[in-house]
């Protein structure tokens, strides 16, 4: 009986942790991704990307680096178009600070967090062939965390058969 309970607990925890994963990937399983070699960014998508200018440049640069590392080439007449968008909201953390038994203050920290979405479109077919999303936190100047999130998201592109 104890073995069954342990097995059920293990299965539950595995399922729960999988459901809480911050990376989600979907792609067209009928596509041969090895035929794609070049990419460019969707200009209108970049114009509407809701990020501060410095972080927007960083995200584009990091995605470019990740794709270049995978053997893709940035080109003005590409095989693939990369579209980036975000769904962000404010995060407010309140930390209590106590100075005396009669007086206390709280420290409030505000940041942005949400989801970064990357869609990769086959330009000839005009169809999304790969889509990925990942949780991001844009607090302060933590560019290492943002870079790690982008690389983690793109480690699943292109899909291996």
N, C-alpha and C. Protein backbone atom coordinates (compact mmCIF):
# COMPACT_ATOMS: atom_id res chain seq x y z
N UNK A 1 0.82 -1.20 0.00
CA UNK A 1 0.00 0.00 0.00
C UNK A 1 0.87 1.26 0.00
N UNK A 2 1.96 1.24 0.80
CA UNK A 2 2.84 2.39 0.85
C UNK A 2 3.49 2.64 -0.50
N UNK A 3 3.81 1.58 -1.21
CA UNK A 3 4.42 1.71 -2.54
C UNK A 3 3.46 2.40 -3.51
N UNK A 4 2.18 2.04 -3.45
CA UNK A 4 1.18 2.66 -4.32
C UNK A 4 1.04 4.14 -3.99
N UNK A 5 1.01 4.49 -2.69
CA UNK A 5 0.92 5.90 -2.30
C UNK A 5 2.12 6.69 -2.78
N UNK A 6 3.31 6.12 -2.67
CA UNK A 6 4.53 6.80 -3.15
C UNK A 6 4.48 6.98 -4.67
N UNK A 7 4.01 5.95 -5.36
CA UNK A 7 3.91 6.03 -6.81
C UNK A 7 2.91 7.10 -7.24
N UNK A 8 1.75 7.13 -6.57
CA UNK A 8 0.75 8.15 -6.88
C UNK A 8 1.26 9.55 -6.59
N UNK A 9 1.95 9.72 -5.48
CA UNK A 9 2.52 11.02 -5.13
C UNK A 9 3.55 11.44 -6.17
N UNK A 10 4.40 10.53 -6.59
CA UNK A 10 5.41 10.83 -7.61
C UNK A 10 4.75 11.24 -8.92
N UNK A 11 3.73 10.50 -9.34
CA UNK A 11 3.02 10.84 -10.58
C UNK A 11 2.33 12.20 -10.47
N UNK A 12 1.72 12.47 -9.32
CA UNK A 12 1.06 13.76 -9.12
C UNK A 12 2.07 14.91 -9.19
N UNK A 13 3.18 14.77 -8.48
CA UNK A 13 4.19 15.83 -8.47
C UNK A 13 4.80 16.04 -9.85
N UNK A 14 5.03 14.96 -10.58
CA UNK A 14 5.56 15.08 -11.94
C UNK A 14 4.59 15.83 -12.83
N UNK A 15 3.33 15.48 -12.76
CA UNK A 15 2.30 16.18 -13.55
C UNK A 15 2.16 17.62 -13.15
N UNK A 16 2.19 17.88 -11.85
CA UNK A 16 2.05 19.26 -11.36
C UNK A 16 3.22 20.11 -11.82
N UNK A 17 4.43 19.61 -11.69
CA UNK A 17 5.60 20.37 -12.10
C UNK A 17 5.61 20.59 -13.61
N UNK A 18 5.15 19.62 -14.37
CA UNK A 18 5.08 19.79 -15.82
C UNK A 18 4.07 20.86 -16.19
N UNK A 19 2.95 20.90 -15.49
CA UNK A 19 1.91 21.89 -15.78
C UNK A 19 2.37 23.30 -15.41
N UNK A 20 3.27 23.41 -14.44
CA UNK A 20 3.75 24.72 -14.00
C UNK A 20 4.95 25.20 -14.80
N UNK A 21 5.36 24.43 -15.77
CA UNK A 21 6.52 24.82 -16.57
C UNK A 21 6.27 26.17 -17.22
N UNK A 22 7.29 27.00 -17.21
CA UNK A 22 7.12 28.35 -17.74
C UNK A 22 7.41 28.42 -19.23
N UNK A 23 7.80 27.33 -19.86
CA UNK A 23 8.06 27.32 -21.29
C UNK A 23 7.00 26.47 -21.98
N UNK A 24 6.38 27.04 -23.00
CA UNK A 24 5.40 26.29 -23.79
C UNK A 24 5.81 26.39 -25.26
N UNK A 25 5.79 25.25 -25.94
CA UNK A 25 6.22 25.17 -27.34
C UNK A 25 5.14 24.46 -28.14
N UNK A 26 4.91 24.95 -29.35
CA UNK A 26 4.02 24.26 -30.29
C UNK A 26 4.61 24.45 -31.68
N UNK A 27 4.53 23.45 -32.51
CA UNK A 27 5.06 23.57 -33.87
C UNK A 27 4.36 22.60 -34.80
N UNK A 28 4.49 22.87 -36.09
CA UNK A 28 3.89 22.04 -37.13
C UNK A 28 4.79 20.82 -37.32
N UNK A 29 4.30 19.66 -36.95
CA UNK A 29 5.09 18.43 -36.99
C UNK A 29 5.30 17.89 -38.40
N UNK A 30 4.60 18.47 -39.38
CA UNK A 30 4.76 18.02 -40.77
C UNK A 30 5.87 18.78 -41.49
N UNK A 31 6.44 19.79 -40.86
CA UNK A 31 7.45 20.63 -41.50
C UNK A 31 8.84 20.05 -41.32
N UNK A 32 9.64 20.11 -42.39
CA UNK A 32 11.06 19.76 -42.34
C UNK A 32 11.83 21.05 -42.06
N UNK A 33 12.20 21.27 -40.82
CA UNK A 33 12.85 22.52 -40.42
C UNK A 33 14.26 22.66 -40.97
N UNK A 34 14.85 21.58 -41.46
CA UNK A 34 16.22 21.66 -41.99
C UNK A 34 16.29 22.44 -43.30
N UNK A 35 15.16 22.72 -43.92
CA UNK A 35 15.18 23.47 -45.18
C UNK A 35 15.22 24.99 -44.98
N UNK A 36 15.14 25.44 -43.74
CA UNK A 36 15.17 26.87 -43.44
C UNK A 36 16.58 27.29 -43.03
N UNK A 37 17.02 28.43 -43.57
CA UNK A 37 18.38 28.87 -43.29
C UNK A 37 18.49 30.35 -42.93
N UNK A 38 17.49 31.16 -43.29
CA UNK A 38 17.58 32.60 -43.07
C UNK A 38 16.37 33.12 -42.29
N UNK A 39 16.57 34.26 -41.61
CA UNK A 39 15.49 34.85 -40.83
C UNK A 39 15.60 36.36 -40.86
N UNK A 40 14.49 36.98 -40.51
CA UNK A 40 14.42 38.43 -40.28
C UNK A 40 13.30 38.65 -39.27
N UNK A 41 13.29 39.84 -38.68
CA UNK A 41 12.25 40.17 -37.71
C UNK A 41 11.09 40.88 -38.39
N UNK A 42 9.90 40.64 -37.87
CA UNK A 42 8.69 41.29 -38.37
C UNK A 42 8.68 42.73 -37.84
N UNK A 43 8.87 43.69 -38.73
CA UNK A 43 9.02 45.10 -38.35
C UNK A 43 7.81 45.63 -37.58
N UNK A 44 6.59 45.36 -38.06
CA UNK A 44 5.39 45.85 -37.36
C UNK A 44 5.29 45.25 -35.96
N UNK A 45 5.71 44.00 -35.81
CA UNK A 45 5.71 43.37 -34.50
C UNK A 45 6.66 44.07 -33.55
N UNK A 46 7.84 44.41 -34.05
CA UNK A 46 8.82 45.12 -33.22
C UNK A 46 8.33 46.51 -32.84
N UNK A 47 7.64 47.17 -33.78
CA UNK A 47 7.12 48.51 -33.51
C UNK A 47 6.08 48.50 -32.39
N UNK A 48 5.34 47.40 -32.27
CA UNK A 48 4.28 47.30 -31.26
C UNK A 48 4.71 46.53 -30.01
N UNK A 49 5.96 46.13 -29.95
CA UNK A 49 6.46 45.38 -28.80
C UNK A 49 6.49 46.28 -27.58
N UNK A 50 5.76 45.88 -26.54
CA UNK A 50 5.62 46.72 -25.34
C UNK A 50 6.74 46.43 -24.34
N UNK A 51 7.91 46.96 -24.67
CA UNK A 51 9.07 46.86 -23.78
C UNK A 51 9.80 48.20 -23.81
N UNK A 52 10.50 48.54 -22.74
CA UNK A 52 11.34 49.73 -22.81
C UNK A 52 12.37 49.58 -23.94
N UNK A 53 12.74 50.68 -24.56
CA UNK A 53 13.60 50.66 -25.75
C UNK A 53 14.88 49.84 -25.54
N UNK A 54 15.53 50.03 -24.41
CA UNK A 54 16.79 49.32 -24.15
C UNK A 54 16.57 47.81 -24.06
N UNK A 55 15.49 47.41 -23.39
CA UNK A 55 15.20 45.97 -23.26
C UNK A 55 14.71 45.39 -24.59
N UNK A 56 14.01 46.19 -25.38
CA UNK A 56 13.57 45.73 -26.70
C UNK A 56 14.80 45.41 -27.56
N UNK A 57 15.77 46.33 -27.57
CA UNK A 57 17.00 46.09 -28.35
C UNK A 57 17.72 44.84 -27.84
N UNK A 58 17.74 44.67 -26.52
CA UNK A 58 18.41 43.52 -25.94
C UNK A 58 17.72 42.22 -26.34
N UNK A 59 16.39 42.20 -26.31
CA UNK A 59 15.64 40.99 -26.68
C UNK A 59 15.90 40.64 -28.14
N UNK A 60 15.84 41.62 -29.03
CA UNK A 60 16.07 41.37 -30.45
C UNK A 60 17.50 40.86 -30.67
N UNK A 61 18.46 41.50 -30.02
CA UNK A 61 19.87 41.10 -30.15
C UNK A 61 20.07 39.67 -29.65
N UNK A 62 19.45 39.33 -28.52
CA UNK A 62 19.60 38.00 -27.93
C UNK A 62 18.96 36.93 -28.80
N UNK A 63 17.78 37.21 -29.34
CA UNK A 63 17.13 36.24 -30.24
C UNK A 63 17.98 36.05 -31.48
N UNK A 64 18.52 37.15 -32.02
CA UNK A 64 19.41 37.05 -33.19
C UNK A 64 20.61 36.18 -32.88
N UNK A 65 21.25 36.43 -31.73
CA UNK A 65 22.41 35.63 -31.34
C UNK A 65 22.07 34.15 -31.24
N UNK A 66 20.94 33.86 -30.61
CA UNK A 66 20.53 32.46 -30.44
C UNK A 66 20.31 31.78 -31.79
N UNK A 67 19.66 32.48 -32.71
CA UNK A 67 19.42 31.90 -34.03
C UNK A 67 20.71 31.78 -34.84
N UNK A 68 21.59 32.77 -34.73
CA UNK A 68 22.88 32.70 -35.41
C UNK A 68 23.70 31.54 -34.87
N UNK A 69 23.65 31.32 -33.55
CA UNK A 69 24.35 30.18 -32.94
C UNK A 69 23.84 28.85 -33.47
N UNK A 70 22.60 28.81 -33.92
CA UNK A 70 22.00 27.58 -34.44
C UNK A 70 22.25 27.41 -35.94
N UNK A 71 23.00 28.35 -36.53
CA UNK A 71 23.36 28.23 -37.94
C UNK A 71 22.48 29.01 -38.89
N UNK A 72 21.53 29.76 -38.39
CA UNK A 72 20.69 30.59 -39.25
C UNK A 72 21.45 31.87 -39.61
N UNK A 73 21.03 32.51 -40.69
CA UNK A 73 21.63 33.75 -41.14
C UNK A 73 20.56 34.82 -41.21
N UNK A 74 20.89 36.01 -40.74
CA UNK A 74 19.96 37.14 -40.85
C UNK A 74 20.06 37.65 -42.28
N UNK A 75 18.88 37.83 -42.92
CA UNK A 75 18.88 38.13 -44.35
C UNK A 75 17.67 39.00 -44.68
N UNK A 76 17.81 39.87 -45.68
CA UNK A 76 16.72 40.78 -46.03
C UNK A 76 15.59 40.09 -46.80
N UNK A 77 15.86 38.94 -47.41
CA UNK A 77 14.83 38.14 -48.09
C UNK A 77 14.83 36.75 -47.45
N UNK A 78 14.26 36.65 -46.24
CA UNK A 78 14.43 35.43 -45.43
C UNK A 78 13.45 34.31 -45.76
N UNK A 79 13.80 33.14 -45.26
CA UNK A 79 12.88 31.99 -45.28
C UNK A 79 11.85 32.14 -44.16
N UNK A 80 12.32 32.68 -43.02
CA UNK A 80 11.50 32.75 -41.82
C UNK A 80 11.39 34.19 -41.31
N UNK A 81 10.22 34.51 -40.79
CA UNK A 81 10.00 35.79 -40.13
C UNK A 81 9.79 35.51 -38.64
N UNK A 82 10.49 36.26 -37.80
CA UNK A 82 10.38 36.11 -36.36
C UNK A 82 9.51 37.25 -35.83
N UNK A 83 8.42 36.90 -35.19
CA UNK A 83 7.53 37.88 -34.59
C UNK A 83 7.61 37.73 -33.07
N UNK A 84 7.79 38.86 -32.39
CA UNK A 84 7.91 38.87 -30.93
C UNK A 84 6.78 39.71 -30.36
N UNK A 85 6.16 39.22 -29.30
CA UNK A 85 5.20 40.05 -28.58
C UNK A 85 5.18 39.64 -27.12
N UNK A 86 4.62 40.49 -26.29
CA UNK A 86 4.60 40.25 -24.85
C UNK A 86 3.21 40.45 -24.28
N UNK A 87 2.97 39.83 -23.16
CA UNK A 87 1.78 40.07 -22.34
C UNK A 87 2.32 40.36 -20.94
N UNK A 88 2.44 41.64 -20.61
CA UNK A 88 3.07 42.05 -19.36
C UNK A 88 2.06 42.68 -18.41
N UNK A 89 2.35 42.59 -17.15
CA UNK A 89 1.55 43.26 -16.13
C UNK A 89 2.49 43.71 -15.00
N UNK A 90 1.98 44.60 -14.17
CA UNK A 90 2.77 45.09 -13.04
C UNK A 90 2.81 44.05 -11.93
N UNK A 91 3.97 43.96 -11.32
CA UNK A 91 4.13 43.12 -10.13
C UNK A 91 4.54 44.05 -8.99
N UNK A 92 3.85 43.96 -7.88
CA UNK A 92 4.16 44.80 -6.74
C UNK A 92 4.48 43.90 -5.55
N UNK A 93 5.69 44.04 -5.03
CA UNK A 93 6.11 43.29 -3.86
C UNK A 93 6.24 44.27 -2.69
N UNK A 94 5.71 43.88 -1.54
CA UNK A 94 5.77 44.72 -0.34
C UNK A 94 6.59 43.96 0.71
N UNK A 95 7.65 44.64 1.18
CA UNK A 95 8.53 44.05 2.18
C UNK A 95 8.44 44.89 3.45
N UNK A 96 8.03 44.31 4.56
CA UNK A 96 7.95 45.11 5.80
C UNK A 96 9.34 45.39 6.36
N UNK A 97 9.49 46.59 6.89
CA UNK A 97 10.72 46.98 7.59
C UNK A 97 10.30 47.56 8.93
N UNK A 98 10.85 47.05 9.98
CA UNK A 98 10.47 47.49 11.31
C UNK A 98 11.62 48.27 11.93
N UNK A 99 11.31 49.43 12.44
CA UNK A 99 12.33 50.26 13.07
C UNK A 99 12.20 50.27 14.59
N UNK A 100 11.01 50.10 15.09
CA UNK A 100 10.80 50.08 16.54
C UNK A 100 9.46 49.39 16.81
N UNK A 101 9.18 49.11 18.06
CA UNK A 101 7.89 48.46 18.36
C UNK A 101 6.70 49.38 18.09
N UNK A 102 6.94 50.69 17.98
CA UNK A 102 5.85 51.65 17.81
C UNK A 102 5.71 52.17 16.39
N UNK A 103 6.69 51.87 15.56
CA UNK A 103 6.69 52.47 14.22
C UNK A 103 7.22 51.44 13.21
N UNK A 104 6.54 51.30 12.10
CA UNK A 104 7.03 50.39 11.06
C UNK A 104 6.76 51.01 9.70
N UNK A 105 7.52 50.62 8.74
CA UNK A 105 7.36 51.06 7.36
C UNK A 105 7.46 49.85 6.45
N UNK A 106 6.99 50.03 5.27
CA UNK A 106 7.10 48.97 4.28
C UNK A 106 7.86 49.50 3.07
N UNK A 107 8.62 48.61 2.46
CA UNK A 107 9.33 48.93 1.23
C UNK A 107 8.54 48.31 0.08
N UNK A 108 8.20 49.11 -0.91
CA UNK A 108 7.41 48.63 -2.05
C UNK A 108 8.30 48.61 -3.28
N UNK A 109 8.29 47.47 -3.97
CA UNK A 109 9.07 47.32 -5.20
C UNK A 109 8.12 47.00 -6.34
N UNK A 110 8.20 47.77 -7.42
CA UNK A 110 7.33 47.57 -8.56
C UNK A 110 8.17 47.12 -9.76
N UNK A 111 7.69 46.12 -10.46
CA UNK A 111 8.38 45.64 -11.65
C UNK A 111 7.34 45.13 -12.65
N UNK A 112 7.81 44.77 -13.82
CA UNK A 112 6.96 44.17 -14.85
C UNK A 112 7.31 42.70 -14.98
N UNK A 113 6.28 41.90 -15.19
CA UNK A 113 6.48 40.49 -15.45
C UNK A 113 5.39 40.03 -16.40
N UNK A 114 5.60 38.88 -17.00
CA UNK A 114 4.60 38.35 -17.91
C UNK A 114 5.18 37.29 -18.81
N UNK A 115 4.71 37.28 -20.04
CA UNK A 115 5.10 36.24 -20.98
C UNK A 115 5.67 36.85 -22.24
N UNK A 116 6.78 36.28 -22.69
CA UNK A 116 7.38 36.63 -23.97
C UNK A 116 6.96 35.54 -24.96
N UNK A 117 6.41 35.97 -26.08
CA UNK A 117 5.98 35.05 -27.14
C UNK A 117 6.87 35.24 -28.36
N UNK A 118 7.25 34.13 -28.97
CA UNK A 118 7.99 34.17 -30.23
C UNK A 118 7.26 33.27 -31.21
N UNK A 119 6.84 33.86 -32.31
CA UNK A 119 6.25 33.09 -33.40
C UNK A 119 7.22 33.11 -34.57
N UNK A 120 7.41 31.95 -35.19
CA UNK A 120 8.27 31.86 -36.36
C UNK A 120 7.38 31.44 -37.53
N UNK A 121 7.42 32.30 -38.56
CA UNK A 121 6.50 32.18 -39.69
C UNK A 121 7.27 31.80 -40.95
N UNK A 122 6.75 30.81 -41.67
CA UNK A 122 7.27 30.49 -43.00
C UNK A 122 6.77 31.56 -43.95
N UNK A 123 7.67 32.32 -44.52
CA UNK A 123 7.29 33.47 -45.34
C UNK A 123 6.55 33.05 -46.62
N UNK A 124 6.97 31.97 -47.24
CA UNK A 124 6.31 31.52 -48.48
C UNK A 124 4.89 31.03 -48.22
N UNK A 125 4.73 30.25 -47.14
CA UNK A 125 3.40 29.71 -46.82
C UNK A 125 2.54 30.69 -46.05
N UNK A 126 3.18 31.74 -45.49
CA UNK A 126 2.48 32.73 -44.65
C UNK A 126 1.72 32.05 -43.51
N UNK A 127 2.47 31.19 -42.80
CA UNK A 127 1.85 30.44 -41.72
C UNK A 127 2.86 30.25 -40.59
N UNK A 128 2.34 30.30 -39.36
CA UNK A 128 3.19 30.07 -38.19
C UNK A 128 3.55 28.59 -38.15
N UNK A 129 4.86 28.32 -38.12
CA UNK A 129 5.31 26.93 -38.10
C UNK A 129 5.88 26.53 -36.74
N UNK A 130 6.20 27.54 -35.92
CA UNK A 130 6.74 27.28 -34.58
C UNK A 130 6.32 28.43 -33.67
N UNK A 131 5.91 28.09 -32.46
CA UNK A 131 5.48 29.11 -31.52
C UNK A 131 5.96 28.71 -30.13
N UNK A 132 6.50 29.69 -29.42
CA UNK A 132 6.96 29.41 -28.08
C UNK A 132 6.67 30.57 -27.15
N UNK A 133 6.49 30.27 -25.88
CA UNK A 133 6.27 31.32 -24.89
C UNK A 133 7.00 30.95 -23.61
N UNK A 134 7.40 31.99 -22.88
CA UNK A 134 8.12 31.78 -21.62
C UNK A 134 7.89 32.96 -20.70
N UNK A 135 7.76 32.65 -19.41
CA UNK A 135 7.62 33.68 -18.39
C UNK A 135 8.91 34.50 -18.32
N UNK A 136 8.75 35.83 -18.20
CA UNK A 136 9.90 36.71 -18.00
C UNK A 136 9.58 37.71 -16.89
N UNK A 137 10.62 38.12 -16.19
CA UNK A 137 10.49 39.15 -15.18
C UNK A 137 11.44 40.26 -15.58
N UNK A 138 10.92 41.46 -15.74
CA UNK A 138 11.72 42.58 -16.22
C UNK A 138 12.14 43.52 -15.10
N UNK A 139 12.32 42.99 -13.91
CA UNK A 139 12.69 43.85 -12.79
C UNK A 139 14.13 44.33 -12.95
N UNK A 140 14.33 45.60 -12.70
CA UNK A 140 15.66 46.19 -12.70
C UNK A 140 16.41 45.98 -14.00
N UNK A 141 17.69 45.76 -13.87
CA UNK A 141 18.55 45.56 -15.04
C UNK A 141 19.13 44.15 -15.06
N UNK A 142 18.29 43.17 -14.76
CA UNK A 142 18.74 41.79 -14.73
C UNK A 142 18.70 41.20 -16.15
N UNK A 143 19.68 41.60 -16.95
CA UNK A 143 19.72 41.14 -18.33
C UNK A 143 20.18 39.69 -18.44
N UNK A 144 20.92 39.19 -17.46
CA UNK A 144 21.35 37.79 -17.48
C UNK A 144 20.13 36.87 -17.43
N UNK A 145 19.18 37.20 -16.55
CA UNK A 145 17.97 36.38 -16.41
C UNK A 145 17.15 36.41 -17.70
N UNK A 146 17.04 37.59 -18.31
CA UNK A 146 16.28 37.72 -19.55
C UNK A 146 16.95 36.93 -20.68
N UNK A 147 18.26 37.03 -20.78
CA UNK A 147 19.00 36.28 -21.80
C UNK A 147 18.83 34.77 -21.59
N UNK A 148 18.92 34.34 -20.34
CA UNK A 148 18.75 32.91 -20.02
C UNK A 148 17.36 32.44 -20.42
N UNK A 149 16.33 33.25 -20.16
CA UNK A 149 14.95 32.88 -20.52
C UNK A 149 14.79 32.74 -22.03
N UNK A 150 15.40 33.66 -22.78
CA UNK A 150 15.29 33.60 -24.25
C UNK A 150 16.02 32.38 -24.79
N UNK A 151 17.21 32.13 -24.30
CA UNK A 151 17.96 30.94 -24.77
C UNK A 151 17.23 29.65 -24.38
N UNK A 152 16.64 29.63 -23.19
CA UNK A 152 15.88 28.44 -22.76
C UNK A 152 14.68 28.21 -23.68
N UNK A 153 14.02 29.29 -24.06
CA UNK A 153 12.87 29.18 -24.96
C UNK A 153 13.31 28.68 -26.34
N UNK A 154 14.39 29.24 -26.85
CA UNK A 154 14.82 28.88 -28.21
C UNK A 154 15.67 27.61 -28.27
N UNK A 155 15.93 27.00 -27.13
CA UNK A 155 16.66 25.72 -27.19
C UNK A 155 15.82 24.65 -27.88
N UNK A 156 14.52 24.87 -27.97
CA UNK A 156 13.60 23.92 -28.61
C UNK A 156 13.35 24.27 -30.08
N UNK A 157 14.11 25.21 -30.62
CA UNK A 157 13.98 25.56 -32.02
C UNK A 157 15.31 25.38 -32.72
N UNK A 158 15.34 24.80 -33.90
CA UNK A 158 14.26 24.08 -34.57
C UNK A 158 14.04 22.72 -33.92
N UNK A 159 12.81 22.23 -33.99
CA UNK A 159 12.52 20.92 -33.38
C UNK A 159 13.31 19.82 -34.07
N UNK A 160 13.71 18.86 -33.30
CA UNK A 160 14.43 17.69 -33.83
C UNK A 160 13.43 16.57 -34.05
N UNK A 161 13.59 15.89 -35.16
CA UNK A 161 12.69 14.75 -35.44
C UNK A 161 13.26 13.48 -34.94
